[in-house]
Amino acid sequence: MSRIGNAPIAVPSGVDVKIDGSAVTVKGPKGELSANFSATININLDDAVLKVSRSSEQDRVRALHGLTRSLLANMVTGVSDGFTKGLDLVGTGYRVQQQGKGVVINVGYSHPVDVDPLDGITLSVEGQNRVIVSGVDKQVVGEQAAQIRSIRKPNAYTGKGIRYTDEDVRTKPGKRAMGAA
């Protein structure tokens, strides 16, 4: 029995949900999202509460039950509140600048790296060392943040690089610590 799949989704005021068979469209103050789900999953809207149920007890249908509920909850949260992900640039001389809708990142390469936002994504800069990725679709926000992080991943020995704001980078001791023992 899926505990996640059985949990109801409260739809806040100002968010409009339209269900057309297996296609669901969610509109809110931040934007609009739509997705197609499996026909074996039933989605119902009753009194501003979305409920997800499954049509059978097959393994594939059971697996889709919780997934569908999570994706719907993320759609409702995205159009009402939106999603944000922060990235910090750690290192001497590492900095970021806003340039139009995109950003320019200097992280020790011989050239600056230009980053253009994906569709539906807003890139903003706080200070010189922080990039904020925000948008309506959780998957696209995470994808854009991962692309920016991949420009210079955190170094395992020094910790320098681009990291998520909440990421804890564990550093290795290096050669000197090995020889001292």
N, C-alpha and C. Protein backbone atom coordinates (compact mmCIF):
# COMPACT_ATOMS: atom_id res chain seq x y z
N MET A 1 0.84 -1.18 0.00
CA MET A 1 0.00 0.00 0.00
C MET A 1 0.88 1.24 0.00
N SER A 2 0.65 2.13 -0.91
CA SER A 2 1.47 3.32 -1.04
C SER A 2 1.01 4.41 -0.08
N ARG A 3 1.86 4.76 0.84
CA ARG A 3 1.50 5.82 1.77
C ARG A 3 1.56 7.18 1.09
N ILE A 4 2.54 7.34 0.21
CA ILE A 4 2.65 8.61 -0.52
C ILE A 4 1.49 8.76 -1.48
N GLY A 5 1.16 7.72 -2.21
CA GLY A 5 0.09 7.78 -3.20
C GLY A 5 -1.28 8.05 -2.60
N ASN A 6 -1.50 7.63 -1.38
CA ASN A 6 -2.81 7.82 -0.75
C ASN A 6 -2.96 9.19 -0.10
N ALA A 7 -1.90 9.93 0.07
CA ALA A 7 -1.99 11.25 0.71
C ALA A 7 -2.69 12.23 -0.22
N PRO A 8 -3.67 12.97 0.27
CA PRO A 8 -4.36 13.94 -0.58
C PRO A 8 -3.49 15.18 -0.81
N ILE A 9 -3.75 15.87 -1.92
CA ILE A 9 -3.02 17.09 -2.26
C ILE A 9 -3.98 18.26 -2.13
N ALA A 10 -3.70 19.18 -1.21
CA ALA A 10 -4.53 20.36 -1.03
C ALA A 10 -4.19 21.37 -2.13
N VAL A 11 -5.20 21.83 -2.85
CA VAL A 11 -5.01 22.81 -3.92
C VAL A 11 -5.29 24.19 -3.33
N PRO A 12 -4.28 25.08 -3.26
CA PRO A 12 -4.50 26.40 -2.68
C PRO A 12 -5.39 27.27 -3.56
N SER A 13 -5.95 28.32 -2.95
CA SER A 13 -6.79 29.23 -3.73
C SER A 13 -5.92 29.96 -4.75
N GLY A 14 -6.50 30.22 -5.91
CA GLY A 14 -5.76 30.85 -6.99
C GLY A 14 -5.12 29.85 -7.93
N VAL A 15 -5.22 28.56 -7.61
CA VAL A 15 -4.68 27.51 -8.47
C VAL A 15 -5.84 26.76 -9.10
N ASP A 16 -5.81 26.65 -10.43
CA ASP A 16 -6.87 25.99 -11.18
C ASP A 16 -6.35 24.68 -11.75
N VAL A 17 -7.07 23.58 -11.47
CA VAL A 17 -6.67 22.26 -11.94
C VAL A 17 -7.73 21.75 -12.91
N LYS A 18 -7.27 21.35 -14.11
CA LYS A 18 -8.18 20.77 -15.11
C LYS A 18 -7.72 19.36 -15.42
N ILE A 19 -8.64 18.41 -15.30
CA ILE A 19 -8.34 17.01 -15.55
C ILE A 19 -9.12 16.58 -16.80
N ASP A 20 -8.39 16.12 -17.81
CA ASP A 20 -9.00 15.66 -19.05
C ASP A 20 -8.49 14.25 -19.33
N GLY A 21 -9.17 13.26 -18.77
CA GLY A 21 -8.72 11.88 -18.90
C GLY A 21 -7.44 11.68 -18.11
N SER A 22 -6.33 11.38 -18.80
CA SER A 22 -5.06 11.20 -18.12
C SER A 22 -4.18 12.44 -18.20
N ALA A 23 -4.66 13.50 -18.85
CA ALA A 23 -3.92 14.76 -18.96
C ALA A 23 -4.38 15.72 -17.87
N VAL A 24 -3.42 16.32 -17.18
CA VAL A 24 -3.73 17.27 -16.10
C VAL A 24 -3.02 18.59 -16.40
N THR A 25 -3.76 19.69 -16.28
CA THR A 25 -3.21 21.03 -16.46
C THR A 25 -3.43 21.80 -15.18
N VAL A 26 -2.36 22.42 -14.68
CA VAL A 26 -2.43 23.19 -13.44
C VAL A 26 -2.00 24.61 -13.75
N LYS A 27 -2.89 25.59 -13.44
CA LYS A 27 -2.58 27.01 -13.65
C LYS A 27 -2.57 27.70 -12.31
N GLY A 28 -1.62 28.62 -12.15
CA GLY A 28 -1.52 29.37 -10.91
C GLY A 28 -0.90 30.72 -11.16
N PRO A 29 -0.64 31.47 -10.08
CA PRO A 29 -0.08 32.82 -10.23
C PRO A 29 1.32 32.83 -10.83
N LYS A 30 2.10 31.77 -10.67
CA LYS A 30 3.48 31.73 -11.19
C LYS A 30 3.57 31.21 -12.62
N GLY A 31 2.56 30.47 -13.08
CA GLY A 31 2.62 29.93 -14.43
C GLY A 31 1.67 28.77 -14.62
N GLU A 32 1.95 27.98 -15.65
CA GLU A 32 1.09 26.85 -16.01
C GLU A 32 1.95 25.63 -16.32
N LEU A 33 1.51 24.47 -15.84
CA LEU A 33 2.17 23.20 -16.10
C LEU A 33 1.14 22.18 -16.55
N SER A 34 1.54 21.30 -17.45
CA SER A 34 0.64 20.22 -17.85
C SER A 34 1.45 18.95 -18.01
N ALA A 35 0.80 17.83 -17.77
CA ALA A 35 1.47 16.53 -17.87
C ALA A 35 0.45 15.45 -18.20
N ASN A 36 0.92 14.41 -18.87
CA ASN A 36 0.10 13.24 -19.15
C ASN A 36 0.55 12.12 -18.23
N PHE A 37 -0.42 11.46 -17.61
CA PHE A 37 -0.13 10.37 -16.70
C PHE A 37 -0.69 9.07 -17.26
N SER A 38 -0.34 7.97 -16.65
CA SER A 38 -0.81 6.67 -17.09
C SER A 38 -2.32 6.57 -16.93
N ALA A 39 -2.96 5.88 -17.86
CA ALA A 39 -4.42 5.70 -17.80
C ALA A 39 -4.83 4.75 -16.68
N THR A 40 -3.87 4.01 -16.13
CA THR A 40 -4.19 3.08 -15.05
C THR A 40 -4.30 3.79 -13.70
N ILE A 41 -3.95 5.06 -13.65
CA ILE A 41 -4.04 5.84 -12.42
C ILE A 41 -5.23 6.80 -12.52
N ASN A 42 -6.08 6.81 -11.50
CA ASN A 42 -7.25 7.68 -11.47
C ASN A 42 -6.94 8.93 -10.67
N ILE A 43 -7.22 10.10 -11.24
CA ILE A 43 -6.99 11.38 -10.57
C ILE A 43 -8.33 12.08 -10.45
N ASN A 44 -8.71 12.45 -9.22
CA ASN A 44 -9.99 13.11 -8.97
C ASN A 44 -9.78 14.41 -8.20
N LEU A 45 -10.60 15.41 -8.51
CA LEU A 45 -10.57 16.70 -7.81
C LEU A 45 -11.91 16.88 -7.12
N ASP A 46 -11.89 16.92 -5.77
CA ASP A 46 -13.10 17.13 -4.98
C ASP A 46 -12.84 18.21 -3.96
N ASP A 47 -13.56 19.32 -4.05
CA ASP A 47 -13.48 20.41 -3.06
C ASP A 47 -12.04 20.86 -2.81
N ALA A 48 -11.32 21.22 -3.87
CA ALA A 48 -9.94 21.73 -3.80
C ALA A 48 -8.98 20.72 -3.18
N VAL A 49 -9.26 19.43 -3.36
CA VAL A 49 -8.36 18.37 -2.90
C VAL A 49 -8.19 17.36 -4.03
N LEU A 50 -6.94 17.14 -4.43
CA LEU A 50 -6.64 16.14 -5.46
C LEU A 50 -6.39 14.80 -4.79
N LYS A 51 -7.00 13.75 -5.33
CA LYS A 51 -6.79 12.40 -4.81
C LYS A 51 -6.37 11.50 -5.96
N VAL A 52 -5.39 10.65 -5.68
CA VAL A 52 -4.85 9.74 -6.69
C VAL A 52 -5.13 8.32 -6.22
N SER A 53 -5.70 7.50 -7.12
CA SER A 53 -5.95 6.11 -6.79
C SER A 53 -5.54 5.25 -7.99
N ARG A 54 -5.35 3.96 -7.73
CA ARG A 54 -4.92 3.06 -8.79
C ARG A 54 -6.05 2.10 -9.14
N SER A 55 -6.01 1.61 -10.37
CA SER A 55 -7.09 0.76 -10.86
C SER A 55 -6.86 -0.72 -10.56
N SER A 56 -5.61 -1.12 -10.32
CA SER A 56 -5.34 -2.52 -10.04
C SER A 56 -4.15 -2.64 -9.09
N GLU A 57 -3.82 -3.84 -8.73
CA GLU A 57 -2.72 -4.09 -7.79
C GLU A 57 -1.48 -4.65 -8.48
N GLN A 58 -1.35 -4.47 -9.79
CA GLN A 58 -0.16 -4.92 -10.50
C GLN A 58 1.04 -4.11 -10.04
N ASP A 59 2.22 -4.72 -10.11
CA ASP A 59 3.43 -4.05 -9.64
C ASP A 59 3.68 -2.73 -10.37
N ARG A 60 3.49 -2.70 -11.68
CA ARG A 60 3.73 -1.48 -12.45
C ARG A 60 2.78 -0.37 -12.04
N VAL A 61 1.52 -0.71 -11.83
CA VAL A 61 0.52 0.28 -11.43
C VAL A 61 0.80 0.78 -10.01
N ARG A 62 1.21 -0.13 -9.14
CA ARG A 62 1.54 0.27 -7.77
C ARG A 62 2.72 1.23 -7.75
N ALA A 63 3.71 0.98 -8.64
CA ALA A 63 4.88 1.86 -8.72
C ALA A 63 4.49 3.25 -9.22
N LEU A 64 3.55 3.32 -10.14
CA LEU A 64 3.12 4.61 -10.70
C LEU A 64 2.25 5.42 -9.74
N HIS A 65 1.65 4.76 -8.77
CA HIS A 65 0.72 5.43 -7.86
C HIS A 65 1.40 6.56 -7.08
N GLY A 66 2.46 6.24 -6.37
CA GLY A 66 3.18 7.26 -5.59
C GLY A 66 3.87 8.27 -6.47
N LEU A 67 4.41 7.83 -7.61
CA LEU A 67 5.07 8.74 -8.54
C LEU A 67 4.10 9.80 -9.06
N THR A 68 2.92 9.36 -9.46
CA THR A 68 1.91 10.29 -9.99
C THR A 68 1.52 11.31 -8.94
N ARG A 69 1.32 10.87 -7.72
CA ARG A 69 0.94 11.78 -6.64
C ARG A 69 2.04 12.81 -6.39
N SER A 70 3.31 12.37 -6.38
CA SER A 70 4.43 13.28 -6.16
C SER A 70 4.56 14.31 -7.28
N LEU A 71 4.40 13.85 -8.52
CA LEU A 71 4.48 14.77 -9.65
C LEU A 71 3.36 15.81 -9.62
N LEU A 72 2.15 15.38 -9.25
CA LEU A 72 1.02 16.31 -9.13
C LEU A 72 1.26 17.33 -8.02
N ALA A 73 1.78 16.86 -6.88
CA ALA A 73 2.06 17.76 -5.76
C ALA A 73 3.12 18.79 -6.16
N ASN A 74 4.14 18.36 -6.92
CA ASN A 74 5.17 19.29 -7.38
C ASN A 74 4.60 20.30 -8.37
N MET A 75 3.65 19.88 -9.20
CA MET A 75 3.02 20.81 -10.14
C MET A 75 2.24 21.88 -9.39
N VAL A 76 1.47 21.47 -8.38
CA VAL A 76 0.66 22.41 -7.60
C VAL A 76 1.57 23.39 -6.83
N THR A 77 2.63 22.86 -6.22
CA THR A 77 3.57 23.72 -5.49
C THR A 77 4.29 24.66 -6.43
N GLY A 78 4.66 24.20 -7.61
CA GLY A 78 5.39 25.02 -8.57
C GLY A 78 4.60 26.21 -9.06
N VAL A 79 3.33 26.01 -9.40
CA VAL A 79 2.54 27.12 -9.93
C VAL A 79 2.08 28.07 -8.83
N SER A 80 2.08 27.62 -7.58
CA SER A 80 1.66 28.51 -6.49
C SER A 80 2.85 29.21 -5.84
N ASP A 81 3.92 28.47 -5.52
CA ASP A 81 5.07 29.05 -4.82
C ASP A 81 6.32 29.11 -5.70
N GLY A 82 6.49 28.17 -6.58
CA GLY A 82 7.70 28.08 -7.40
C GLY A 82 8.80 27.33 -6.66
N PHE A 83 9.86 27.01 -7.38
CA PHE A 83 11.00 26.31 -6.81
C PHE A 83 12.25 27.13 -7.02
N THR A 84 13.15 27.10 -6.05
CA THR A 84 14.43 27.80 -6.17
C THR A 84 15.54 26.87 -5.72
N LYS A 85 16.71 27.07 -6.32
CA LYS A 85 17.89 26.31 -5.94
C LYS A 85 19.06 27.28 -6.00
N GLY A 86 19.85 27.30 -4.95
CA GLY A 86 20.99 28.21 -4.88
C GLY A 86 22.30 27.50 -5.14
N LEU A 87 23.23 28.21 -5.77
CA LEU A 87 24.57 27.69 -6.05
C LEU A 87 25.58 28.70 -5.56
N ASP A 88 26.60 28.23 -4.84
CA ASP A 88 27.66 29.10 -4.33
C ASP A 88 28.95 28.82 -5.09
N LEU A 89 29.68 29.89 -5.41
CA LEU A 89 30.99 29.77 -6.03
C LEU A 89 32.02 29.93 -4.93
N VAL A 90 32.82 28.89 -4.67
CA VAL A 90 33.80 28.90 -3.60
C VAL A 90 35.18 28.80 -4.23
N GLY A 91 35.99 29.82 -4.02
CA GLY A 91 37.35 29.81 -4.55
C GLY A 91 37.84 31.23 -4.77
N THR A 92 39.13 31.42 -4.69
CA THR A 92 39.72 32.74 -4.87
C THR A 92 39.54 33.18 -6.32
N GLY A 93 38.95 34.33 -6.52
CA GLY A 93 38.73 34.87 -7.85
C GLY A 93 37.50 34.32 -8.55
N TYR A 94 36.77 33.41 -7.94
CA TYR A 94 35.57 32.87 -8.55
C TYR A 94 34.44 33.88 -8.37
N ARG A 95 33.78 34.24 -9.45
CA ARG A 95 32.68 35.20 -9.35
C ARG A 95 31.69 34.99 -10.49
N VAL A 96 30.53 35.58 -10.32
CA VAL A 96 29.46 35.48 -11.30
C VAL A 96 28.86 36.87 -11.50
N GLN A 97 28.44 37.15 -12.72
CA GLN A 97 27.82 38.44 -13.05
C GLN A 97 26.56 38.18 -13.87
N GLN A 98 25.57 39.01 -13.65
CA GLN A 98 24.34 38.95 -14.44
C GLN A 98 24.61 39.60 -15.79
N GLN A 99 24.15 38.96 -16.87
CA GLN A 99 24.28 39.55 -18.20
C GLN A 99 22.99 39.25 -18.95
N GLY A 100 22.10 40.23 -18.98
CA GLY A 100 20.78 40.02 -19.58
C GLY A 100 20.00 39.02 -18.75
N LYS A 101 19.44 38.02 -19.41
CA LYS A 101 18.72 36.96 -18.69
C LYS A 101 19.65 35.88 -18.18
N GLY A 102 20.86 35.80 -18.75
CA GLY A 102 21.81 34.77 -18.36
C GLY A 102 22.83 35.29 -17.37
N VAL A 103 23.85 34.47 -17.11
CA VAL A 103 24.93 34.84 -16.21
C VAL A 103 26.26 34.50 -16.86
N VAL A 104 27.32 35.19 -16.42
CA VAL A 104 28.68 34.91 -16.85
C VAL A 104 29.45 34.47 -15.62
N ILE A 105 30.08 33.29 -15.73
CA ILE A 105 30.76 32.69 -14.58
C ILE A 105 32.25 32.65 -14.85
N ASN A 106 33.05 33.14 -13.89
CA ASN A 106 34.51 33.06 -13.94
C ASN A 106 34.95 32.12 -12.82
N VAL A 107 35.46 30.94 -13.20
CA VAL A 107 35.86 29.95 -12.20
C VAL A 107 37.23 29.36 -12.50
N GLY A 108 38.18 30.22 -12.88
CA GLY A 108 39.55 29.77 -13.04
C GLY A 108 39.91 29.27 -14.42
N TYR A 109 39.00 29.30 -15.36
CA TYR A 109 39.34 28.93 -16.73
C TYR A 109 39.96 30.14 -17.43
N SER A 110 40.52 29.92 -18.61
CA SER A 110 41.13 31.01 -19.37
C SER A 110 40.07 31.93 -19.98
N HIS A 111 38.81 31.53 -19.89
CA HIS A 111 37.73 32.30 -20.48
C HIS A 111 36.52 32.27 -19.55
N PRO A 112 35.69 33.32 -19.58
CA PRO A 112 34.44 33.26 -18.81
C PRO A 112 33.44 32.33 -19.48
N VAL A 113 32.58 31.72 -18.69
CA VAL A 113 31.58 30.78 -19.19
C VAL A 113 30.21 31.45 -19.16
N ASP A 114 29.57 31.55 -20.34
CA ASP A 114 28.23 32.12 -20.43
C ASP A 114 27.20 31.03 -20.21
N VAL A 115 26.19 31.32 -19.38
CA VAL A 115 25.11 30.38 -19.12
C VAL A 115 23.80 31.06 -19.46
N ASP A 116 23.06 30.49 -20.42
CA ASP A 116 21.74 30.99 -20.77
C ASP A 116 20.69 30.13 -20.08
N PRO A 117 19.61 30.76 -19.59
CA PRO A 117 18.60 29.97 -18.88
C PRO A 117 17.78 29.10 -19.82
N LEU A 118 17.33 27.96 -19.31
CA LEU A 118 16.41 27.10 -20.05
C LEU A 118 15.03 27.77 -20.06
N ASP A 119 14.12 27.23 -20.86
CA ASP A 119 12.77 27.80 -20.94
C ASP A 119 12.08 27.73 -19.58
N GLY A 120 11.51 28.84 -19.14
CA GLY A 120 10.79 28.88 -17.87
C GLY A 120 11.67 29.07 -16.65
N ILE A 121 12.96 29.34 -16.83
CA ILE A 121 13.89 29.47 -15.71
C ILE A 121 14.36 30.91 -15.62
N THR A 122 14.50 31.39 -14.39
CA THR A 122 15.05 32.72 -14.13
C THR A 122 16.35 32.56 -13.35
N LEU A 123 17.41 33.15 -13.88
CA LEU A 123 18.71 33.14 -13.20
C LEU A 123 18.94 34.52 -12.61
N SER A 124 19.27 34.55 -11.32
CA SER A 124 19.59 35.82 -10.66
C SER A 124 20.87 35.66 -9.85
N VAL A 125 21.51 36.79 -9.57
CA VAL A 125 22.80 36.78 -8.89
C VAL A 125 22.67 37.54 -7.58
N GLU A 126 23.19 36.96 -6.51
CA GLU A 126 23.29 37.63 -5.21
C GLU A 126 24.75 37.85 -4.91
N GLY A 127 25.16 39.09 -4.82
CA GLY A 127 26.57 39.39 -4.58
C GLY A 127 27.39 38.96 -5.78
N GLN A 128 28.61 38.46 -5.54
CA GLN A 128 29.45 37.99 -6.62
C GLN A 128 29.65 36.48 -6.60
N ASN A 129 29.11 35.82 -5.57
CA ASN A 129 29.41 34.40 -5.40
C ASN A 129 28.18 33.51 -5.33
N ARG A 130 27.00 33.99 -5.63
CA ARG A 130 25.82 33.15 -5.50
C ARG A 130 24.90 33.32 -6.71
N VAL A 131 24.44 32.18 -7.24
CA VAL A 131 23.48 32.16 -8.34
C VAL A 131 22.21 31.52 -7.81
N ILE A 132 21.06 32.15 -8.09
CA ILE A 132 19.77 31.61 -7.69
C ILE A 132 19.04 31.18 -8.96
N VAL A 133 18.67 29.89 -9.02
CA VAL A 133 17.92 29.34 -10.14
C VAL A 133 16.49 29.18 -9.66
N SER A 134 15.53 29.80 -10.34
CA SER A 134 14.13 29.69 -9.92
C SER A 134 13.24 29.44 -11.12
N GLY A 135 12.13 28.76 -10.86
CA GLY A 135 11.19 28.44 -11.91
C GLY A 135 10.00 27.69 -11.37
N VAL A 136 9.12 27.30 -12.27
CA VAL A 136 7.87 26.64 -11.90
C VAL A 136 8.03 25.11 -11.88
N ASP A 137 8.80 24.57 -12.81
CA ASP A 137 8.96 23.13 -12.95
C ASP A 137 10.17 22.65 -12.15
N LYS A 138 9.94 21.80 -11.16
CA LYS A 138 11.01 21.33 -10.28
C LYS A 138 12.11 20.60 -11.04
N GLN A 139 11.73 19.80 -12.02
CA GLN A 139 12.70 19.03 -12.78
C GLN A 139 13.61 19.94 -13.59
N VAL A 140 13.06 20.98 -14.20
CA VAL A 140 13.86 21.88 -15.03
C VAL A 140 14.77 22.76 -14.16
N VAL A 141 14.29 23.16 -12.97
CA VAL A 141 15.12 23.93 -12.04
C VAL A 141 16.33 23.09 -11.62
N GLY A 142 16.10 21.83 -11.29
CA GLY A 142 17.20 20.95 -10.91
C GLY A 142 18.17 20.69 -12.05
N GLU A 143 17.64 20.57 -13.26
CA GLU A 143 18.49 20.34 -14.43
C GLU A 143 19.39 21.55 -14.69
N GLN A 144 18.82 22.77 -14.61
CA GLN A 144 19.61 23.98 -14.84
C GLN A 144 20.68 24.12 -13.76
N ALA A 145 20.34 23.85 -12.51
CA ALA A 145 21.31 23.95 -11.42
C ALA A 145 22.43 22.92 -11.61
N ALA A 146 22.10 21.73 -12.05
CA ALA A 146 23.11 20.70 -12.28
C ALA A 146 24.04 21.09 -13.43
N GLN A 147 23.50 21.73 -14.47
CA GLN A 147 24.32 22.18 -15.58
C GLN A 147 25.32 23.24 -15.12
N ILE A 148 24.86 24.17 -14.28
CA ILE A 148 25.76 25.21 -13.78
C ILE A 148 26.83 24.59 -12.87
N ARG A 149 26.43 23.65 -12.00
CA ARG A 149 27.38 23.00 -11.10
C ARG A 149 28.43 22.22 -11.87
N SER A 150 28.05 21.65 -13.02
CA SER A 150 28.99 20.84 -13.79
C SER A 150 30.08 21.66 -14.46
N ILE A 151 29.96 22.98 -14.48
CA ILE A 151 31.00 23.83 -15.05
C ILE A 151 32.30 23.66 -14.27
N ARG A 152 32.21 23.61 -12.95
CA ARG A 152 33.39 23.34 -12.10
C ARG A 152 32.87 22.72 -10.81
N LYS A 153 32.87 21.38 -10.76
CA LYS A 153 32.41 20.68 -9.57
C LYS A 153 33.37 20.92 -8.42
N PRO A 154 32.89 20.80 -7.17
CA PRO A 154 33.78 21.01 -6.02
C PRO A 154 34.96 20.04 -6.02
N ASN A 155 36.14 20.56 -5.76
CA ASN A 155 37.36 19.76 -5.70
C ASN A 155 37.34 18.93 -4.41
N ALA A 156 37.71 17.67 -4.50
CA ALA A 156 37.66 16.77 -3.35
C ALA A 156 38.73 17.10 -2.31
N TYR A 157 39.79 17.81 -2.70
CA TYR A 157 40.89 18.11 -1.78
C TYR A 157 40.82 19.52 -1.21
N THR A 158 40.37 20.49 -2.00
CA THR A 158 40.34 21.88 -1.52
C THR A 158 38.93 22.39 -1.27
N GLY A 159 37.93 21.79 -1.90
CA GLY A 159 36.55 22.25 -1.73
C GLY A 159 36.18 23.37 -2.68
N LYS A 160 37.13 23.82 -3.50
CA LYS A 160 36.86 24.91 -4.43
C LYS A 160 35.98 24.42 -5.58
N GLY A 161 35.09 25.29 -6.05
CA GLY A 161 34.24 24.95 -7.17
C GLY A 161 32.85 25.52 -6.98
N ILE A 162 31.91 25.03 -7.76
CA ILE A 162 30.52 25.47 -7.66
C ILE A 162 29.75 24.38 -6.93
N ARG A 163 29.08 24.76 -5.84
CA ARG A 163 28.34 23.80 -5.04
C ARG A 163 26.95 24.34 -4.75
N TYR A 164 26.03 23.42 -4.44
CA TYR A 164 24.70 23.83 -4.02
C TYR A 164 24.81 24.54 -2.68
N THR A 165 23.89 25.46 -2.41
CA THR A 165 23.95 26.23 -1.17
C THR A 165 23.88 25.32 0.06
N ASP A 166 23.08 24.28 0.01
CA ASP A 166 22.93 23.39 1.16
C ASP A 166 23.86 22.17 1.10
N GLU A 167 24.77 22.13 0.14
CA GLU A 167 25.65 20.97 -0.02
C GLU A 167 26.82 21.03 0.95
N ASP A 168 27.12 19.90 1.56
CA ASP A 168 28.26 19.78 2.45
C ASP A 168 29.35 19.01 1.72
N VAL A 169 30.44 19.70 1.35
CA VAL A 169 31.52 19.08 0.59
C VAL A 169 32.53 18.52 1.58
N ARG A 170 32.72 17.19 1.55
CA ARG A 170 33.71 16.54 2.41
C ARG A 170 35.02 16.49 1.66
N THR A 171 36.07 17.01 2.28
CA THR A 171 37.37 17.04 1.62
C THR A 171 38.23 15.88 2.10
N LYS A 172 39.08 15.40 1.18
CA LYS A 172 40.01 14.31 1.50
C LYS A 172 41.26 14.90 2.15
N PRO A 173 41.98 14.13 2.94
CA PRO A 173 43.14 14.68 3.65
C PRO A 173 44.33 14.99 2.74
N GLY A 174 44.57 14.24 1.68
CA GLY A 174 45.71 14.52 0.80
C GLY A 174 46.94 13.73 1.17
N LYS A 175 48.06 13.98 0.48
CA LYS A 175 49.30 13.21 0.66
C LYS A 175 49.97 13.46 2.01
N ARG A 176 49.96 14.67 2.43
CA ARG A 176 50.70 15.03 3.67
C ARG A 176 50.14 14.26 4.87
N ALA A 177 48.83 14.14 4.96
CA ALA A 177 48.22 13.41 6.08
C ALA A 177 48.56 11.92 6.02
N MET A 178 48.72 11.39 4.83
CA MET A 178 49.06 9.97 4.69
C MET A 178 50.49 9.69 5.15
N GLY A 179 51.41 10.58 4.85
CA GLY A 179 52.80 10.36 5.20
C GLY A 179 53.12 10.63 6.67
N ALA A 180 52.29 11.38 7.35
CA ALA A 180 52.55 11.76 8.75
C ALA A 180 52.29 10.60 9.70
N ALA A 181 51.55 9.62 9.30
CA ALA A 181 51.17 8.53 10.21
C ALA A 181 52.30 7.58 10.51
